[in-house]
């Protein structure tokens, strides 16, 4: 669904201004490559926070607390 919306918006942009549409088509992979380290950093931060949360809740889980 997301790809279809992107394609329809790109077609509208192509009708309005084809040089901008072609530029967007060329720059989209470059922007994705530039954002890749930030995505990896977000994934790493999420994993570290999940680990810290599990570590802090470990004593309660060992004592038998059950989340309902």
PDB file of N, CA and C in Angstrom:
ATOM      1  N   UNK A   1       0.819  -1.190   0.000  1.00  0.00           N
ATOM      2  CA  UNK A   1       0.000   0.000   0.000  1.00  0.00           C
ATOM      3  C   UNK A   1       0.867   1.259   0.000  1.00  0.00           C
ATOM      4  N   UNK A   2       1.916   1.243   0.789  1.00  0.00           N
ATOM      5  CA  UNK A   2       2.792   2.405   0.874  1.00  0.00           C
ATOM      6  C   UNK A   2       3.494   2.658  -0.464  1.00  0.00           C
ATOM      7  N   UNK A   3       3.922   1.586  -1.122  1.00  0.00           N
ATOM      8  CA  UNK A   3       4.589   1.740  -2.411  1.00  0.00           C
ATOM      9  C   UNK A   3       3.619   2.284  -3.470  1.00  0.00           C
ATOM     10  N   UNK A   4       2.371   1.874  -3.375  1.00  0.00           N
ATOM     11  CA  UNK A   4       1.387   2.352  -4.350  1.00  0.00           C
ATOM     12  C   UNK A   4       1.118   3.849  -4.164  1.00  0.00           C
ATOM     13  N   UNK A   5       1.014   4.289  -2.927  1.00  0.00           N
ATOM     14  CA  UNK A   5       0.808   5.718  -2.655  1.00  0.00           C
ATOM     15  C   UNK A   5       2.016   6.507  -3.144  1.00  0.00           C
ATOM     16  N   UNK A   6       3.212   6.001  -2.870  1.00  0.00           N
ATOM     17  CA  UNK A   6       4.433   6.655  -3.336  1.00  0.00           C
ATOM     18  C   UNK A   6       4.453   6.762  -4.858  1.00  0.00           C
ATOM     19  N   UNK A   7       4.035   5.693  -5.537  1.00  0.00           N
ATOM     20  CA  UNK A   7       4.023   5.699  -7.003  1.00  0.00           C
ATOM     21  C   UNK A   7       3.013   6.699  -7.552  1.00  0.00           C
ATOM     22  N   UNK A   8       1.835   6.762  -6.945  1.00  0.00           N
ATOM     23  CA  UNK A   8       0.805   7.705  -7.410  1.00  0.00           C
ATOM     24  C   UNK A   8       1.281   9.142  -7.203  1.00  0.00           C
ATOM     25  N   UNK A   9       1.879   9.419  -6.037  1.00  0.00           N
ATOM     26  CA  UNK A   9       2.402  10.768  -5.798  1.00  0.00           C
ATOM     27  C   UNK A   9       3.533  11.109  -6.758  1.00  0.00           C
ATOM     28  N   UNK A  10       4.360  10.111  -7.077  1.00  0.00           N
ATOM     29  CA  UNK A  10       5.430  10.356  -8.032  1.00  0.00           C
ATOM     30  C   UNK A  10       4.863  10.634  -9.436  1.00  0.00           C
ATOM     31  N   UNK A  11       3.804   9.928  -9.800  1.00  0.00           N
ATOM     32  CA  UNK A  11       3.168  10.185 -11.104  1.00  0.00           C
ATOM     33  C   UNK A  11       2.569  11.588 -11.165  1.00  0.00           C
ATOM     34  N   UNK A  12       1.974  12.031 -10.068  1.00  0.00           N
ATOM     35  CA  UNK A  12       1.438  13.397 -10.029  1.00  0.00           C
ATOM     36  C   UNK A  12       2.574  14.400 -10.171  1.00  0.00           C
ATOM     37  N   UNK A  13       3.676  14.151  -9.476  1.00  0.00           N
ATOM     38  CA  UNK A  13       4.836  15.031  -9.591  1.00  0.00           C
ATOM     39  C   UNK A  13       5.409  14.992 -11.009  1.00  0.00           C
ATOM     40  N   UNK A  14       5.366  13.837 -11.642  1.00  0.00           N
ATOM     41  CA  UNK A  14       5.852  13.715 -13.019  1.00  0.00           C
ATOM     42  C   UNK A  14       5.015  14.575 -13.968  1.00  0.00           C
ATOM     43  N   UNK A  15       3.721  14.604 -13.744  1.00  0.00           N
ATOM     44  CA  UNK A  15       2.849  15.420 -14.593  1.00  0.00           C
ATOM     45  C   UNK A  15       3.095  16.901 -14.337  1.00  0.00           C
ATOM     46  N   UNK A  16       3.304  17.265 -13.066  1.00  0.00           N
ATOM     47  CA  UNK A  16       3.477  18.680 -12.732  1.00  0.00           C
ATOM     48  C   UNK A  16       4.847  19.181 -13.180  1.00  0.00           C
ATOM     49  N   UNK A  17       5.897  18.444 -12.812  1.00  0.00           N
ATOM     50  CA  UNK A  17       7.254  18.886 -13.138  1.00  0.00           C
ATOM     51  C   UNK A  17       8.150  17.669 -13.295  1.00  0.00           C
ATOM     52  N   UNK A  18       8.406  17.279 -14.544  1.00  0.00           N
ATOM     53  CA  UNK A  18       9.162  16.055 -14.756  1.00  0.00           C
ATOM     54  C   UNK A  18      10.618  16.141 -14.319  1.00  0.00           C
ATOM     55  N   UNK A  19      11.307  17.296 -14.385  1.00  0.00           N
ATOM     56  CA  UNK A  19      12.695  17.293 -13.898  1.00  0.00           C
ATOM     57  C   UNK A  19      12.794  17.033 -12.390  1.00  0.00           C
ATOM     58  N   UNK A  20      11.841  17.570 -11.636  1.00  0.00           N
ATOM     59  CA  UNK A  20      11.843  17.333 -10.191  1.00  0.00           C
ATOM     60  C   UNK A  20      11.531  15.870  -9.897  1.00  0.00           C
ATOM     61  N   UNK A  21      10.648  15.264 -10.683  1.00  0.00           N
ATOM     62  CA  UNK A  21      10.306  13.852 -10.486  1.00  0.00           C
ATOM     63  C   UNK A  21      11.506  12.954 -10.778  1.00  0.00           C
ATOM     64  N   UNK A  22      12.234  13.262 -11.828  1.00  0.00           N
ATOM     65  CA  UNK A  22      13.428  12.464 -12.158  1.00  0.00           C
ATOM     66  C   UNK A  22      14.505  12.671 -11.096  1.00  0.00           C
ATOM     67  N   UNK A  23      14.655  13.900 -10.624  1.00  0.00           N
ATOM     68  CA  UNK A  23      15.619  14.171  -9.557  1.00  0.00           C
ATOM     69  C   UNK A  23      15.247  13.419  -8.283  1.00  0.00           C
ATOM     70  N   UNK A  24      13.968  13.371  -7.949  1.00  0.00           N
ATOM     71  CA  UNK A  24      13.518  12.618  -6.777  1.00  0.00           C
ATOM     72  C   UNK A  24      13.781  11.129  -6.950  1.00  0.00           C
ATOM     73  N   UNK A  25      13.612  10.642  -8.158  1.00  0.00           N
ATOM     74  CA  UNK A  25      13.857   9.224  -8.439  1.00  0.00           C
ATOM     75  C   UNK A  25      15.333   8.879  -8.305  1.00  0.00           C
ATOM     76  N   UNK A  26      16.204   9.807  -8.670  1.00  0.00           N
ATOM     77  CA  UNK A  26      17.650   9.570  -8.576  1.00  0.00           C
ATOM     78  C   UNK A  26      18.133   9.742  -7.137  1.00  0.00           C
ATOM     79  N   UNK A  27      17.600  10.721  -6.421  1.00  0.00           N
ATOM     80  CA  UNK A  27      18.076  11.009  -5.064  1.00  0.00           C
ATOM     81  C   UNK A  27      17.505  10.095  -3.992  1.00  0.00           C
ATOM     82  N   UNK A  28      16.416   9.400  -4.258  1.00  0.00           N
ATOM     83  CA  UNK A  28      15.796   8.547  -3.239  1.00  0.00           C
ATOM     84  C   UNK A  28      16.747   7.456  -2.737  1.00  0.00           C
ATOM     85  N   UNK A  29      17.467   6.730  -3.598  1.00  0.00           N
ATOM     86  CA  UNK A  29      18.407   5.725  -3.073  1.00  0.00           C
ATOM     87  C   UNK A  29      19.573   6.345  -2.308  1.00  0.00           C
ATOM     88  N   UNK A  30      20.011   7.526  -2.713  1.00  0.00           N
ATOM     89  CA  UNK A  30      21.112   8.183  -2.001  1.00  0.00           C
ATOM     90  C   UNK A  30      20.675   8.619  -0.604  1.00  0.00           C
ATOM     91  N   UNK A  31      19.462   9.130  -0.485  1.00  0.00           N
ATOM     92  CA  UNK A  31      18.945   9.528   0.827  1.00  0.00           C
ATOM     93  C   UNK A  31      18.775   8.298   1.712  1.00  0.00           C
ATOM     94  N   UNK A  32      18.343   7.171   1.123  1.00  0.00           N
ATOM     95  CA  UNK A  32      18.206   5.934   1.892  1.00  0.00           C
ATOM     96  C   UNK A  32      19.575   5.471   2.387  1.00  0.00           C
ATOM     97  N   UNK A  33      20.595   5.574   1.547  1.00  0.00           N
ATOM     98  CA  UNK A  33      21.941   5.175   1.969  1.00  0.00           C
ATOM     99  C   UNK A  33      22.473   6.081   3.078  1.00  0.00           C
ATOM    100  N   UNK A  34      22.168   7.366   3.013  1.00  0.00           N
ATOM    101  CA  UNK A  34      22.608   8.279   4.059  1.00  0.00           C
ATOM    102  C   UNK A  34      21.867   8.047   5.373  1.00  0.00           C
ATOM    103  N   UNK A  35      20.626   7.595   5.320  1.00  0.00           N
ATOM    104  CA  UNK A  35      19.858   7.374   6.542  1.00  0.00           C
ATOM    105  C   UNK A  35      20.123   6.009   7.161  1.00  0.00           C
ATOM    106  N   UNK A  36      20.808   5.133   6.460  1.00  0.00           N
ATOM    107  CA  UNK A  36      21.057   3.777   6.958  1.00  0.00           C
ATOM    108  C   UNK A  36      21.821   3.750   8.284  1.00  0.00           C
ATOM    109  N   UNK A  37      22.902   4.524   8.467  1.00  0.00           N
ATOM    110  CA  UNK A  37      23.577   4.501   9.779  1.00  0.00           C
ATOM    111  C   UNK A  37      22.674   4.950  10.927  1.00  0.00           C
ATOM    112  N   UNK A  38      21.781   5.905  10.673  1.00  0.00           N
ATOM    113  CA  UNK A  38      20.866   6.362  11.714  1.00  0.00           C
ATOM    114  C   UNK A  38      19.841   5.286  12.053  1.00  0.00           C
ATOM    115  N   UNK A  39      19.417   4.515  11.065  1.00  0.00           N
ATOM    116  CA  UNK A  39      18.504   3.407  11.328  1.00  0.00           C
ATOM    117  C   UNK A  39      19.199   2.339  12.162  1.00  0.00           C
ATOM    118  N   UNK A  40      20.449   2.052  11.852  1.00  0.00           N
ATOM    119  CA  UNK A  40      21.201   1.071  12.632  1.00  0.00           C
ATOM    120  C   UNK A  40      21.430   1.568  14.055  1.00  0.00           C
ATOM    121  N   UNK A  41      21.689   2.846  14.214  1.00  0.00           N
ATOM    122  CA  UNK A  41      21.863   3.419  15.540  1.00  0.00           C
ATOM    123  C   UNK A  41      20.563   3.338  16.344  1.00  0.00           C
ATOM    124  N   UNK A  42      19.450   3.590  15.717  1.00  0.00           N
ATOM    125  CA  UNK A  42      18.154   3.462  16.389  1.00  0.00           C
ATOM    126  C   UNK A  42      17.870   2.034  16.792  1.00  0.00           C
ATOM    127  N   UNK A  43      18.215   1.078  15.952  1.00  0.00           N
ATOM    128  CA  UNK A  43      18.033  -0.333  16.277  1.00  0.00           C
ATOM    129  C   UNK A  43      18.909  -0.734  17.457  1.00  0.00           C
ATOM    130  N   UNK A  44      20.145  -0.262  17.465  1.00  0.00           N
ATOM    131  CA  UNK A  44      21.063  -0.556  18.556  1.00  0.00           C
ATOM    132  C   UNK A  44      20.571   0.055  19.863  1.00  0.00           C
ATOM    133  N   UNK A  45      20.111   1.287  19.819  1.00  0.00           N
ATOM    134  CA  UNK A  45      19.605   1.950  21.016  1.00  0.00           C
ATOM    135  C   UNK A  45      18.359   1.247  21.550  1.00  0.00           C
ATOM    136  N   UNK A  46      17.496   0.810  20.670  1.00  0.00           N
ATOM    137  CA  UNK A  46      16.305   0.079  21.083  1.00  0.00           C
ATOM    138  C   UNK A  46      16.683  -1.235  21.763  1.00  0.00           C
ATOM    139  N   UNK A  47      17.676  -1.935  21.219  1.00  0.00           N
ATOM    140  CA  UNK A  47      18.114  -3.192  21.817  1.00  0.00           C
ATOM    141  C   UNK A  47      18.752  -2.971  23.185  1.00  0.00           C
ATOM    142  N   UNK A  48      19.541  -1.917  23.328  1.00  0.00           N
ATOM    143  CA  UNK A  48      20.176  -1.616  24.612  1.00  0.00           C
ATOM    144  C   UNK A  48      19.120  -1.262  25.664  1.00  0.00           C
ATOM    145  N   UNK A  49      18.123  -0.471  25.286  1.00  0.00           N
ATOM    146  CA  UNK A  49      17.069  -0.117  26.235  1.00  0.00           C
ATOM    147  C   UNK A  49      16.217  -1.324  26.621  1.00  0.00           C
ATOM    148  N   UNK A  50      15.965  -2.223  25.678  1.00  0.00           N
ATOM    149  CA  UNK A  50      15.223  -3.447  26.004  1.00  0.00           C
ATOM    150  C   UNK A  50      16.040  -4.323  26.946  1.00  0.00           C
ATOM    151  N   UNK A  51      17.343  -4.411  26.743  1.00  0.00           N
ATOM    152  CA  UNK A  51      18.208  -5.186  27.622  1.00  0.00           C
ATOM    153  C   UNK A  51      18.232  -4.596  29.030  1.00  0.00           C
ATOM    154  N   UNK A  52      18.322  -3.266  29.126  1.00  0.00           N
ATOM    155  CA  UNK A  52      18.331  -2.627  30.442  1.00  0.00           C
ATOM    156  C   UNK A  52      16.992  -2.817  31.159  1.00  0.00           C
ATOM    157  N   UNK A  53      15.907  -2.744  30.428  1.00  0.00           N
ATOM    158  CA  UNK A  53      14.600  -2.983  31.031  1.00  0.00           C
ATOM    159  C   UNK A  53      14.462  -4.402  31.540  1.00  0.00           C
ATOM    160  N   UNK A  54      14.947  -5.372  30.758  1.00  0.00           N
ATOM    161  CA  UNK A  54      14.899  -6.764  31.198  1.00  0.00           C
ATOM    162  C   UNK A  54      15.801  -6.986  32.403  1.00  0.00           C
ATOM    163  N   UNK A  55      16.926  -6.320  32.420  1.00  0.00           N
ATOM    164  CA  UNK A  55      17.862  -6.454  33.533  1.00  0.00           C
ATOM    165  C   UNK A  55      17.272  -5.850  34.813  1.00  0.00           C
ATOM    166  N   UNK A  56      16.586  -4.727  34.704  1.00  0.00           N
ATOM    167  CA  UNK A  56      15.981  -4.105  35.875  1.00  0.00           C
ATOM    168  C   UNK A  56      14.777  -4.895  36.400  1.00  0.00           C
ATOM    169  N   UNK A  57      14.070  -5.573  35.523  1.00  0.00           N
ATOM    170  CA  UNK A  57      12.900  -6.338  35.939  1.00  0.00           C
ATOM    171  C   UNK A  57      13.230  -7.785  36.304  1.00  0.00           C
ATOM    172  N   UNK A  58      14.475  -8.174  36.174  1.00  0.00           N
ATOM    173  CA  UNK A  58      14.860  -9.552  36.463  1.00  0.00           C
ATOM    174  C   UNK A  58      14.586  -9.958  37.910  1.00  0.00           C
ATOM    175  N   UNK A  59      14.920  -9.127  38.912  1.00  0.00           N
ATOM    176  CA  UNK A  59      14.623  -9.557  40.295  1.00  0.00           C
ATOM    177  C   UNK A  59      13.130  -9.786  40.529  1.00  0.00           C
ATOM    178  N   UNK A  60      12.284  -8.945  39.972  1.00  0.00           N
ATOM    179  CA  UNK A  60      10.842  -9.124  40.147  1.00  0.00           C
ATOM    180  C   UNK A  60      10.370 -10.403  39.473  1.00  0.00           C
ATOM    181  N   UNK A  61      10.905 -10.719  38.332  1.00  0.00           N
ATOM    182  CA  UNK A  61      10.505 -11.946  37.631  1.00  0.00           C
ATOM    183  C   UNK A  61      10.990 -13.178  38.376  1.00  0.00           C
ATOM    184  N   UNK A  62      12.171 -13.081  38.994  1.00  0.00           N
ATOM    185  CA  UNK A  62      12.681 -14.209  39.770  1.00  0.00           C
ATOM    186  C   UNK A  62      11.846 -14.439  41.028  1.00  0.00           C
ATOM    187  N   UNK A  63      11.272 -13.362  41.578  1.00  0.00           N
ATOM    188  CA  UNK A  63      10.440 -13.486  42.771  1.00  0.00           C
ATOM    189  C   UNK A  63       8.989 -13.890  42.435  1.00  0.00           C
ATOM    190  N   UNK A  64       8.671 -14.021  41.177  1.00  0.00           N
ATOM    191  CA  UNK A  64       7.379 -14.573  40.793  1.00  0.00           C
ATOM    192  C   UNK A  64       6.325 -13.562  40.386  1.00  0.00           C
ATOM    193  N   UNK A  65       6.685 -12.328  40.111  1.00  0.00           N
ATOM    194  CA  UNK A  65       5.705 -11.341  39.663  1.00  0.00           C
ATOM    195  C   UNK A  65       5.234 -11.677  38.261  1.00  0.00           C
ATOM    196  N   UNK A  66       3.912 -11.674  38.078  1.00  0.00           N
ATOM    197  CA  UNK A  66       3.353 -11.937  36.752  1.00  0.00           C
ATOM    198  C   UNK A  66       2.584 -10.714  36.289  1.00  0.00           C
ATOM    199  N   UNK A  67       2.917 -10.194  35.117  1.00  0.00           N
ATOM    200  CA  UNK A  67       2.204  -9.049  34.548  1.00  0.00           C
ATOM    201  C   UNK A  67       0.912  -9.549  33.903  1.00  0.00           C
ATOM    202  N   UNK A  68      -0.196  -8.954  34.279  1.00  0.00           N
ATOM    203  CA  UNK A  68      -1.491  -9.441  33.749  1.00  0.00           C
ATOM    204  C   UNK A  68      -1.934  -8.584  32.633  1.00  0.00           C
TER     205      UNK A  68
END
